[in-house]
Amino acid sequence: MGEAKPVSPTGTSTSTHTLTHTATFLSDLVMGTIGDILAELGIDLTRLYRDWDQDQGAFQAWIEEESLAMVVLECHQPGGKVAPIFEFPITYGAISGVDRAFVESRASLARYRAKLDSVPSGTAFRLICTYNGPHSSQPGWGPAQRASTADLSSLSFGNLGQAPHAGVAMRYLR
């Protein structure tokens, strides 16, 4: 009879460590991009910066458990219109060509931000998350209803960032 080879804890540790780095990288990229967009639109960033650690931590936890499907940034104008809306869909699994790299497209995003429509003074924002299924409970987050996107046109930015275990894209609805 043969013997079973013991499972190396190093392999599991390395994979988990990399997934943690992927989650940290992508959650920080999404938060930074949201901050850049809000600043470009002239929307007050006080609440974003106040809740930054809590929100970034929630995104990181959900990416690590692969339950986060999308982060949505809604801009609520004083007259009741909800536009623009930015969607940040997350994809999971090995990303082709990104074996050990962390790639972001923030330079391309700077050029893209110049094309954003303006919003009226007093516009506020709301962050909403959608999920792939069960997800952990995170402080400051609860059920929410997305605004309708029925009358909005969509522009795709494409890949915003990629890491070994996941990637994030961006869509602009106006």
N, C-alpha and C. Protein backbone atom coordinates (compact mmCIF):
# COMPACT_ATOMS: atom_id res chain seq x y z
N MET A 1 0.84 -1.18 0.00
CA MET A 1 0.00 0.00 0.00
C MET A 1 0.89 1.24 0.00
N GLY A 2 0.44 2.25 -0.68
CA GLY A 2 1.19 3.49 -0.75
C GLY A 2 0.82 4.43 0.37
N GLU A 3 1.54 5.51 0.42
CA GLU A 3 1.26 6.54 1.41
C GLU A 3 0.75 7.79 0.70
N ALA A 4 -0.10 8.50 1.37
CA ALA A 4 -0.59 9.76 0.83
C ALA A 4 0.44 10.84 1.11
N LYS A 5 0.68 11.67 0.13
CA LYS A 5 1.62 12.78 0.31
C LYS A 5 0.90 13.87 1.10
N PRO A 6 1.54 14.38 2.16
CA PRO A 6 0.87 15.43 2.94
C PRO A 6 0.70 16.70 2.10
N VAL A 7 -0.40 17.38 2.33
CA VAL A 7 -0.68 18.63 1.64
C VAL A 7 0.21 19.71 2.24
N SER A 8 0.86 20.45 1.39
CA SER A 8 1.76 21.50 1.85
C SER A 8 0.96 22.73 2.27
N PRO A 9 1.11 23.18 3.51
CA PRO A 9 0.41 24.39 3.93
C PRO A 9 0.93 25.62 3.20
N THR A 10 2.12 25.54 2.64
CA THR A 10 2.69 26.68 1.93
C THR A 10 1.86 27.02 0.69
N GLY A 11 1.42 26.01 -0.06
CA GLY A 11 0.62 26.24 -1.25
C GLY A 11 -0.68 26.96 -0.93
N THR A 12 -1.37 26.52 0.10
CA THR A 12 -2.60 27.15 0.52
C THR A 12 -2.34 28.57 1.00
N SER A 13 -1.31 28.74 1.77
CA SER A 13 -0.97 30.06 2.28
C SER A 13 -0.65 31.04 1.16
N THR A 14 0.10 30.58 0.16
CA THR A 14 0.46 31.45 -0.95
C THR A 14 -0.78 31.85 -1.73
N SER A 15 -1.67 30.89 -2.01
CA SER A 15 -2.89 31.19 -2.75
C SER A 15 -3.76 32.17 -1.99
N THR A 16 -3.96 31.95 -0.70
CA THR A 16 -4.75 32.85 0.11
C THR A 16 -4.10 34.23 0.17
N HIS A 17 -2.81 34.24 0.33
CA HIS A 17 -2.08 35.51 0.39
C HIS A 17 -2.28 36.29 -0.91
N THR A 18 -2.19 35.62 -2.05
CA THR A 18 -2.37 36.28 -3.33
C THR A 18 -3.80 36.77 -3.49
N LEU A 19 -4.79 35.97 -3.10
CA LEU A 19 -6.18 36.38 -3.17
C LEU A 19 -6.42 37.61 -2.29
N THR A 20 -5.79 37.65 -1.13
CA THR A 20 -5.89 38.82 -0.26
C THR A 20 -5.30 40.05 -0.94
N HIS A 21 -4.15 39.87 -1.59
CA HIS A 21 -3.56 40.99 -2.32
C HIS A 21 -4.45 41.44 -3.47
N THR A 22 -5.04 40.50 -4.19
CA THR A 22 -5.96 40.83 -5.28
C THR A 22 -7.13 41.63 -4.74
N ALA A 23 -7.73 41.18 -3.64
CA ALA A 23 -8.89 41.86 -3.05
C ALA A 23 -8.52 43.26 -2.58
N THR A 24 -7.36 43.40 -1.97
CA THR A 24 -6.91 44.72 -1.50
C THR A 24 -6.69 45.64 -2.69
N PHE A 25 -5.99 45.16 -3.71
CA PHE A 25 -5.70 45.95 -4.90
C PHE A 25 -6.98 46.42 -5.58
N LEU A 26 -7.91 45.50 -5.85
CA LEU A 26 -9.12 45.85 -6.58
C LEU A 26 -10.06 46.74 -5.76
N SER A 27 -10.19 46.48 -4.47
CA SER A 27 -11.07 47.32 -3.64
C SER A 27 -10.51 48.73 -3.54
N ASP A 28 -9.21 48.86 -3.43
CA ASP A 28 -8.58 50.18 -3.40
C ASP A 28 -8.72 50.88 -4.75
N LEU A 29 -8.60 50.14 -5.83
CA LEU A 29 -8.75 50.71 -7.17
C LEU A 29 -10.17 51.23 -7.39
N VAL A 30 -11.17 50.46 -6.97
CA VAL A 30 -12.56 50.89 -7.11
C VAL A 30 -12.82 52.14 -6.27
N MET A 31 -12.37 52.13 -5.02
CA MET A 31 -12.58 53.30 -4.16
C MET A 31 -11.87 54.54 -4.73
N GLY A 32 -10.64 54.38 -5.18
CA GLY A 32 -9.91 55.51 -5.74
C GLY A 32 -10.57 56.05 -7.00
N THR A 33 -11.08 55.17 -7.83
CA THR A 33 -11.76 55.59 -9.05
C THR A 33 -13.05 56.32 -8.72
N ILE A 34 -13.79 55.82 -7.74
CA ILE A 34 -15.02 56.50 -7.30
C ILE A 34 -14.67 57.90 -6.80
N GLY A 35 -13.62 58.02 -6.00
CA GLY A 35 -13.19 59.34 -5.52
C GLY A 35 -12.82 60.27 -6.66
N ASP A 36 -12.09 59.75 -7.65
CA ASP A 36 -11.71 60.56 -8.82
C ASP A 36 -12.93 61.04 -9.59
N ILE A 37 -13.89 60.14 -9.80
CA ILE A 37 -15.12 60.49 -10.55
C ILE A 37 -15.92 61.55 -9.79
N LEU A 38 -16.12 61.35 -8.50
CA LEU A 38 -16.89 62.32 -7.71
C LEU A 38 -16.21 63.68 -7.71
N ALA A 39 -14.89 63.70 -7.59
CA ALA A 39 -14.16 64.97 -7.62
C ALA A 39 -14.33 65.65 -8.98
N GLU A 40 -14.23 64.88 -10.06
CA GLU A 40 -14.39 65.42 -11.41
C GLU A 40 -15.79 66.02 -11.60
N LEU A 41 -16.80 65.37 -10.99
CA LEU A 41 -18.18 65.85 -11.11
C LEU A 41 -18.50 66.98 -10.13
N GLY A 42 -17.62 67.26 -9.20
CA GLY A 42 -17.85 68.32 -8.22
C GLY A 42 -18.80 67.91 -7.11
N ILE A 43 -18.91 66.62 -6.85
CA ILE A 43 -19.80 66.12 -5.79
C ILE A 43 -19.01 66.06 -4.49
N ASP A 44 -19.64 66.50 -3.40
CA ASP A 44 -19.01 66.55 -2.08
C ASP A 44 -18.47 65.17 -1.69
N LEU A 45 -17.20 65.14 -1.32
CA LEU A 45 -16.51 63.89 -0.99
C LEU A 45 -16.46 63.60 0.52
N THR A 46 -17.05 64.46 1.34
CA THR A 46 -16.96 64.31 2.79
C THR A 46 -17.38 62.91 3.25
N ARG A 47 -18.53 62.46 2.80
CA ARG A 47 -19.04 61.14 3.23
C ARG A 47 -18.18 60.01 2.69
N LEU A 48 -17.68 60.15 1.45
CA LEU A 48 -16.82 59.12 0.89
C LEU A 48 -15.59 58.92 1.76
N TYR A 49 -14.92 60.03 2.10
CA TYR A 49 -13.71 59.93 2.91
C TYR A 49 -14.01 59.48 4.34
N ARG A 50 -15.15 59.89 4.88
CA ARG A 50 -15.53 59.46 6.23
C ARG A 50 -15.72 57.95 6.31
N ASP A 51 -16.34 57.37 5.27
CA ASP A 51 -16.66 55.95 5.27
C ASP A 51 -15.66 55.10 4.48
N TRP A 52 -14.57 55.71 4.04
CA TRP A 52 -13.61 55.05 3.14
C TRP A 52 -13.16 53.68 3.67
N ASP A 53 -12.62 53.64 4.88
CA ASP A 53 -12.09 52.39 5.42
C ASP A 53 -13.17 51.31 5.54
N GLN A 54 -14.36 51.71 5.97
CA GLN A 54 -15.47 50.76 6.11
C GLN A 54 -15.86 50.21 4.74
N ASP A 55 -16.02 51.09 3.74
CA ASP A 55 -16.46 50.65 2.42
C ASP A 55 -15.37 49.84 1.71
N GLN A 56 -14.14 50.30 1.78
CA GLN A 56 -13.04 49.58 1.15
C GLN A 56 -12.87 48.21 1.80
N GLY A 57 -13.04 48.14 3.11
CA GLY A 57 -12.95 46.87 3.83
C GLY A 57 -14.06 45.91 3.43
N ALA A 58 -15.27 46.43 3.22
CA ALA A 58 -16.39 45.58 2.79
C ALA A 58 -16.12 45.05 1.39
N PHE A 59 -15.70 45.92 0.47
CA PHE A 59 -15.40 45.47 -0.90
C PHE A 59 -14.30 44.41 -0.86
N GLN A 60 -13.28 44.65 -0.06
CA GLN A 60 -12.16 43.71 0.03
C GLN A 60 -12.64 42.34 0.54
N ALA A 61 -13.44 42.34 1.58
CA ALA A 61 -13.95 41.08 2.14
C ALA A 61 -14.79 40.33 1.11
N TRP A 62 -15.66 41.04 0.42
CA TRP A 62 -16.54 40.38 -0.56
C TRP A 62 -15.77 39.90 -1.78
N ILE A 63 -14.74 40.64 -2.20
CA ILE A 63 -13.92 40.16 -3.33
C ILE A 63 -13.15 38.92 -2.89
N GLU A 64 -12.63 38.94 -1.67
CA GLU A 64 -11.87 37.79 -1.16
C GLU A 64 -12.74 36.53 -1.10
N GLU A 65 -14.02 36.69 -0.75
CA GLU A 65 -14.92 35.54 -0.71
C GLU A 65 -15.61 35.31 -2.06
N GLU A 66 -15.29 36.13 -3.04
CA GLU A 66 -15.81 36.04 -4.42
C GLU A 66 -17.32 36.17 -4.49
N SER A 67 -17.89 36.96 -3.58
CA SER A 67 -19.34 37.16 -3.58
C SER A 67 -19.76 38.49 -4.21
N LEU A 68 -18.85 39.43 -4.34
CA LEU A 68 -19.20 40.75 -4.89
C LEU A 68 -19.31 40.66 -6.41
N ALA A 69 -20.50 40.96 -6.94
CA ALA A 69 -20.72 40.96 -8.39
C ALA A 69 -20.43 42.34 -8.97
N MET A 70 -20.86 43.40 -8.27
CA MET A 70 -20.72 44.74 -8.83
C MET A 70 -20.84 45.80 -7.74
N VAL A 71 -20.04 46.85 -7.88
CA VAL A 71 -20.21 48.07 -7.09
C VAL A 71 -20.85 49.08 -8.03
N VAL A 72 -21.86 49.79 -7.54
CA VAL A 72 -22.58 50.77 -8.35
C VAL A 72 -22.49 52.12 -7.66
N LEU A 73 -22.11 53.14 -8.42
CA LEU A 73 -22.10 54.53 -7.95
C LEU A 73 -23.24 55.25 -8.64
N GLU A 74 -24.24 55.66 -7.86
CA GLU A 74 -25.37 56.43 -8.39
C GLU A 74 -25.23 57.88 -7.98
N CYS A 75 -25.47 58.79 -8.93
CA CYS A 75 -25.46 60.22 -8.66
C CYS A 75 -26.90 60.72 -8.63
N HIS A 76 -27.36 61.15 -7.45
CA HIS A 76 -28.74 61.59 -7.25
C HIS A 76 -28.79 63.12 -7.32
N GLN A 77 -29.39 63.63 -8.41
CA GLN A 77 -29.46 65.07 -8.63
C GLN A 77 -30.61 65.67 -7.81
N PRO A 78 -30.50 66.97 -7.45
CA PRO A 78 -31.52 67.60 -6.61
C PRO A 78 -32.94 67.50 -7.17
N GLY A 79 -33.11 67.51 -8.49
CA GLY A 79 -34.44 67.43 -9.10
C GLY A 79 -35.03 66.03 -9.12
N GLY A 80 -34.31 65.03 -8.61
CA GLY A 80 -34.81 63.66 -8.55
C GLY A 80 -34.23 62.72 -9.60
N LYS A 81 -33.56 63.27 -10.60
CA LYS A 81 -32.95 62.43 -11.63
C LYS A 81 -31.75 61.69 -11.04
N VAL A 82 -31.60 60.42 -11.41
CA VAL A 82 -30.45 59.63 -10.97
C VAL A 82 -29.58 59.38 -12.21
N ALA A 83 -28.55 60.19 -12.33
CA ALA A 83 -27.60 60.07 -13.46
C ALA A 83 -26.45 61.03 -13.19
N PRO A 84 -25.28 60.67 -13.57
CA PRO A 84 -24.89 59.40 -14.18
C PRO A 84 -24.80 58.29 -13.14
N ILE A 85 -24.70 57.07 -13.67
CA ILE A 85 -24.49 55.87 -12.85
C ILE A 85 -23.24 55.19 -13.38
N PHE A 86 -22.40 54.74 -12.47
CA PHE A 86 -21.18 54.03 -12.84
C PHE A 86 -21.25 52.63 -12.24
N GLU A 87 -21.00 51.64 -13.08
CA GLU A 87 -21.00 50.25 -12.62
C GLU A 87 -19.59 49.70 -12.70
N PHE A 88 -19.21 48.97 -11.66
CA PHE A 88 -17.90 48.34 -11.58
C PHE A 88 -18.10 46.82 -11.40
N PRO A 89 -18.35 46.09 -12.51
CA PRO A 89 -18.53 44.64 -12.39
C PRO A 89 -17.21 43.93 -12.10
N ILE A 90 -17.28 42.93 -11.24
CA ILE A 90 -16.11 42.14 -10.85
C ILE A 90 -16.19 40.78 -11.52
N THR A 91 -15.09 40.32 -12.10
CA THR A 91 -15.02 38.97 -12.65
C THR A 91 -13.98 38.19 -11.85
N TYR A 92 -14.25 36.91 -11.68
CA TYR A 92 -13.36 36.07 -10.88
C TYR A 92 -12.77 34.95 -11.72
N GLY A 93 -11.66 34.45 -11.26
CA GLY A 93 -10.96 33.36 -11.93
C GLY A 93 -9.64 33.86 -12.46
N ALA A 94 -8.86 32.96 -13.00
CA ALA A 94 -7.56 33.34 -13.56
C ALA A 94 -7.79 34.25 -14.76
N ILE A 95 -7.16 35.40 -14.75
CA ILE A 95 -7.27 36.36 -15.83
C ILE A 95 -6.12 36.11 -16.80
N SER A 96 -6.44 35.88 -18.04
CA SER A 96 -5.42 35.58 -19.05
C SER A 96 -4.38 36.69 -19.14
N GLY A 97 -3.12 36.32 -19.10
CA GLY A 97 -2.03 37.28 -19.24
C GLY A 97 -1.70 38.06 -17.98
N VAL A 98 -2.38 37.76 -16.89
CA VAL A 98 -2.15 38.50 -15.65
C VAL A 98 -1.70 37.53 -14.57
N ASP A 99 -0.85 36.61 -14.92
CA ASP A 99 -0.43 35.55 -14.02
C ASP A 99 -0.04 36.07 -12.64
N ARG A 100 0.90 36.98 -12.59
CA ARG A 100 1.32 37.49 -11.29
C ARG A 100 1.32 39.01 -11.25
N ALA A 101 0.70 39.63 -12.23
CA ALA A 101 0.75 41.09 -12.34
C ALA A 101 -0.51 41.72 -11.76
N PHE A 102 -0.38 42.94 -11.37
CA PHE A 102 -1.50 43.78 -10.96
C PHE A 102 -1.50 44.95 -11.94
N VAL A 103 -2.54 45.02 -12.78
CA VAL A 103 -2.57 46.00 -13.86
C VAL A 103 -3.76 46.93 -13.66
N GLU A 104 -3.53 48.20 -13.79
CA GLU A 104 -4.64 49.14 -13.71
C GLU A 104 -4.58 50.10 -14.88
N SER A 105 -5.73 50.70 -15.17
CA SER A 105 -5.84 51.60 -16.31
C SER A 105 -6.22 53.00 -15.86
N ARG A 106 -5.66 53.46 -14.75
CA ARG A 106 -6.02 54.78 -14.22
C ARG A 106 -5.59 55.90 -15.17
N ALA A 107 -4.50 55.74 -15.91
CA ALA A 107 -4.08 56.78 -16.85
C ALA A 107 -5.13 56.93 -17.96
N SER A 108 -5.64 55.82 -18.46
CA SER A 108 -6.70 55.87 -19.47
C SER A 108 -7.96 56.49 -18.87
N LEU A 109 -8.22 56.20 -17.61
CA LEU A 109 -9.40 56.73 -16.94
C LEU A 109 -9.33 58.25 -16.86
N ALA A 110 -8.16 58.82 -16.65
CA ALA A 110 -8.02 60.28 -16.59
C ALA A 110 -8.52 60.92 -17.88
N ARG A 111 -8.20 60.33 -19.02
CA ARG A 111 -8.70 60.85 -20.30
C ARG A 111 -10.20 60.63 -20.42
N TYR A 112 -10.69 59.53 -19.94
CA TYR A 112 -12.10 59.18 -20.00
C TYR A 112 -12.94 60.14 -19.15
N ARG A 113 -12.41 60.52 -17.98
CA ARG A 113 -13.14 61.41 -17.06
C ARG A 113 -13.46 62.74 -17.70
N ALA A 114 -12.63 63.19 -18.63
CA ALA A 114 -12.87 64.47 -19.30
C ALA A 114 -14.15 64.43 -20.13
N LYS A 115 -14.65 63.25 -20.44
CA LYS A 115 -15.86 63.10 -21.25
C LYS A 115 -17.14 63.02 -20.41
N LEU A 116 -17.02 63.07 -19.09
CA LEU A 116 -18.18 62.93 -18.22
C LEU A 116 -19.09 64.14 -18.34
N ASP A 117 -20.39 63.87 -18.30
CA ASP A 117 -21.36 64.95 -18.28
C ASP A 117 -21.30 65.64 -16.92
N SER A 118 -21.66 66.91 -16.88
CA SER A 118 -21.66 67.62 -15.60
C SER A 118 -22.97 67.31 -14.86
N VAL A 119 -22.95 67.58 -13.56
CA VAL A 119 -24.14 67.39 -12.73
C VAL A 119 -24.42 68.71 -12.00
N PRO A 120 -25.70 68.97 -11.66
CA PRO A 120 -26.01 70.22 -10.96
C PRO A 120 -25.44 70.24 -9.53
N SER A 121 -25.22 71.43 -9.04
CA SER A 121 -24.77 71.61 -7.66
C SER A 121 -25.78 70.96 -6.72
N GLY A 122 -25.30 70.33 -5.68
CA GLY A 122 -26.17 69.67 -4.72
C GLY A 122 -26.41 68.19 -5.03
N THR A 123 -25.80 67.70 -6.11
CA THR A 123 -25.94 66.28 -6.44
C THR A 123 -25.23 65.45 -5.37
N ALA A 124 -25.88 64.41 -4.93
CA ALA A 124 -25.32 63.51 -3.91
C ALA A 124 -25.05 62.15 -4.56
N PHE A 125 -24.36 61.28 -3.84
CA PHE A 125 -24.07 59.96 -4.39
C PHE A 125 -24.50 58.87 -3.43
N ARG A 126 -24.63 57.69 -4.00
CA ARG A 126 -24.96 56.51 -3.21
C ARG A 126 -24.20 55.33 -3.79
N LEU A 127 -23.64 54.49 -2.94
CA LEU A 127 -22.97 53.27 -3.35
C LEU A 127 -23.87 52.08 -3.06
N ILE A 128 -23.99 51.20 -4.04
CA ILE A 128 -24.80 49.99 -3.90
C ILE A 128 -23.96 48.82 -4.38
N CYS A 129 -24.11 47.68 -3.76
CA CYS A 129 -23.41 46.48 -4.20
C CYS A 129 -24.43 45.42 -4.60
N THR A 130 -24.06 44.64 -5.62
CA THR A 130 -24.83 43.46 -5.99
C THR A 130 -23.91 42.26 -5.78
N TYR A 131 -24.52 41.10 -5.61
CA TYR A 131 -23.75 39.92 -5.20
C TYR A 131 -24.02 38.72 -6.08
N ASN A 132 -23.09 37.78 -6.07
CA ASN A 132 -23.21 36.53 -6.81
C ASN A 132 -23.99 35.48 -6.03
N GLY A 133 -24.38 35.77 -4.85
CA GLY A 133 -25.07 34.82 -3.98
C GLY A 133 -24.82 35.22 -2.54
N PRO A 134 -24.77 34.24 -1.65
CA PRO A 134 -24.54 34.55 -0.23
C PRO A 134 -23.24 35.33 -0.04
N HIS A 135 -23.29 36.26 0.89
CA HIS A 135 -22.13 37.10 1.19
C HIS A 135 -22.12 37.43 2.67
N SER A 136 -20.95 37.74 3.18
CA SER A 136 -20.83 38.07 4.60
C SER A 136 -21.46 39.43 4.88
N SER A 137 -21.90 39.58 6.10
CA SER A 137 -22.44 40.86 6.56
C SER A 137 -21.27 41.80 6.84
N GLN A 138 -21.39 43.05 6.41
CA GLN A 138 -20.32 44.03 6.63
C GLN A 138 -20.90 45.28 7.28
N PRO A 139 -20.17 45.90 8.20
CA PRO A 139 -20.66 47.10 8.88
C PRO A 139 -21.01 48.21 7.88
N GLY A 140 -22.16 48.86 8.13
CA GLY A 140 -22.58 49.99 7.31
C GLY A 140 -23.28 49.62 6.02
N TRP A 141 -23.45 48.33 5.76
CA TRP A 141 -24.07 47.88 4.51
C TRP A 141 -25.32 47.08 4.79
N GLY A 142 -26.36 47.33 4.00
CA GLY A 142 -27.60 46.59 4.12
C GLY A 142 -28.30 46.56 2.78
N PRO A 143 -29.50 46.01 2.74
CA PRO A 143 -30.25 45.91 1.49
C PRO A 143 -30.51 47.30 0.88
N ALA A 144 -30.49 47.37 -0.43
CA ALA A 144 -30.76 48.63 -1.13
C ALA A 144 -31.35 48.32 -2.50
N GLN A 145 -32.12 49.24 -3.01
CA GLN A 145 -32.74 49.12 -4.33
C GLN A 145 -31.99 50.03 -5.29
N ARG A 146 -31.58 49.50 -6.42
CA ARG A 146 -30.92 50.30 -7.45
C ARG A 146 -31.92 51.17 -8.17
N ALA A 147 -31.46 52.33 -8.63
CA ALA A 147 -32.27 53.20 -9.46
C ALA A 147 -32.43 52.56 -10.84
N SER A 148 -33.50 52.87 -11.52
CA SER A 148 -33.73 52.35 -12.85
C SER A 148 -32.69 52.91 -13.83
N THR A 149 -32.25 52.06 -14.74
CA THR A 149 -31.31 52.48 -15.78
C THR A 149 -31.98 52.42 -17.16
N ALA A 150 -33.31 52.26 -17.17
CA ALA A 150 -34.07 52.05 -18.41
C ALA A 150 -33.86 53.17 -19.44
N ASP A 151 -33.80 54.41 -19.03
CA ASP A 151 -33.69 55.53 -19.98
C ASP A 151 -32.26 56.02 -20.17
N LEU A 152 -31.28 55.28 -19.67
CA LEU A 152 -29.89 55.71 -19.76
C LEU A 152 -29.16 54.95 -20.85
N SER A 153 -28.25 55.64 -21.53
CA SER A 153 -27.39 54.95 -22.50
C SER A 153 -26.11 54.54 -21.78
N SER A 154 -25.47 53.50 -22.27
CA SER A 154 -24.31 52.92 -21.60
C SER A 154 -23.06 53.04 -22.46
N LEU A 155 -21.97 53.45 -21.83
CA LEU A 155 -20.66 53.45 -22.46
C LEU A 155 -19.75 52.56 -21.63
N SER A 156 -19.01 51.69 -22.28
CA SER A 156 -18.11 50.80 -21.56
C SER A 156 -16.70 51.36 -21.57
N PHE A 157 -16.11 51.45 -20.40
CA PHE A 157 -14.70 51.83 -20.30
C PHE A 157 -13.82 50.62 -20.58
N GLY A 158 -14.33 49.45 -20.26
CA GLY A 158 -13.55 48.23 -20.39
C GLY A 158 -12.89 47.90 -19.07
N ASN A 159 -11.75 47.20 -19.13
CA ASN A 159 -11.06 46.79 -17.92
C ASN A 159 -10.45 47.98 -17.20
N LEU A 160 -10.80 48.10 -15.94
CA LEU A 160 -10.22 49.14 -15.09
C LEU A 160 -8.98 48.60 -14.39
N GLY A 161 -9.03 47.33 -14.01
CA GLY A 161 -7.89 46.72 -13.34
C GLY A 161 -8.00 45.21 -13.34
N GLN A 162 -6.84 44.56 -13.32
CA GLN A 162 -6.79 43.10 -13.30
C GLN A 162 -5.72 42.65 -12.34
N ALA A 163 -5.99 41.53 -11.71
CA ALA A 163 -5.05 40.90 -10.79
C ALA A 163 -5.14 39.39 -11.01
N PRO A 164 -4.27 38.63 -10.36
CA PRO A 164 -4.24 37.19 -10.64
C PRO A 164 -5.56 36.44 -10.47
N HIS A 165 -6.42 36.85 -9.54
CA HIS A 165 -7.64 36.08 -9.27
C HIS A 165 -8.93 36.78 -9.65
N ALA A 166 -8.84 38.03 -10.09
CA ALA A 166 -10.07 38.77 -10.40
C ALA A 166 -9.73 40.03 -11.19
N GLY A 167 -10.77 40.61 -11.74
CA GLY A 167 -10.62 41.86 -12.47
C GLY A 167 -11.86 42.72 -12.27
N VAL A 168 -11.73 44.00 -12.58
CA VAL A 168 -12.86 44.92 -12.47
C VAL A 168 -12.92 45.76 -13.75
N ALA A 169 -14.13 45.94 -14.24
CA ALA A 169 -14.38 46.77 -15.42
C ALA A 169 -15.18 47.98 -14.98
N MET A 170 -15.52 48.85 -15.93
CA MET A 170 -16.32 50.03 -15.60
C MET A 170 -17.26 50.34 -16.75
N ARG A 171 -18.51 50.64 -16.41
CA ARG A 171 -19.51 51.13 -17.37
C ARG A 171 -20.04 52.47 -16.87
N TYR A 172 -20.33 53.35 -17.80
CA TYR A 172 -20.84 54.69 -17.52
C TYR A 172 -22.22 54.78 -18.15
N LEU A 173 -23.24 54.99 -17.32
CA LEU A 173 -24.60 55.12 -17.82
C LEU A 173 -25.03 56.56 -17.64
N ARG A 174 -25.52 57.14 -18.73
CA ARG A 174 -25.94 58.55 -18.66
C ARG A 174 -27.25 58.76 -19.36
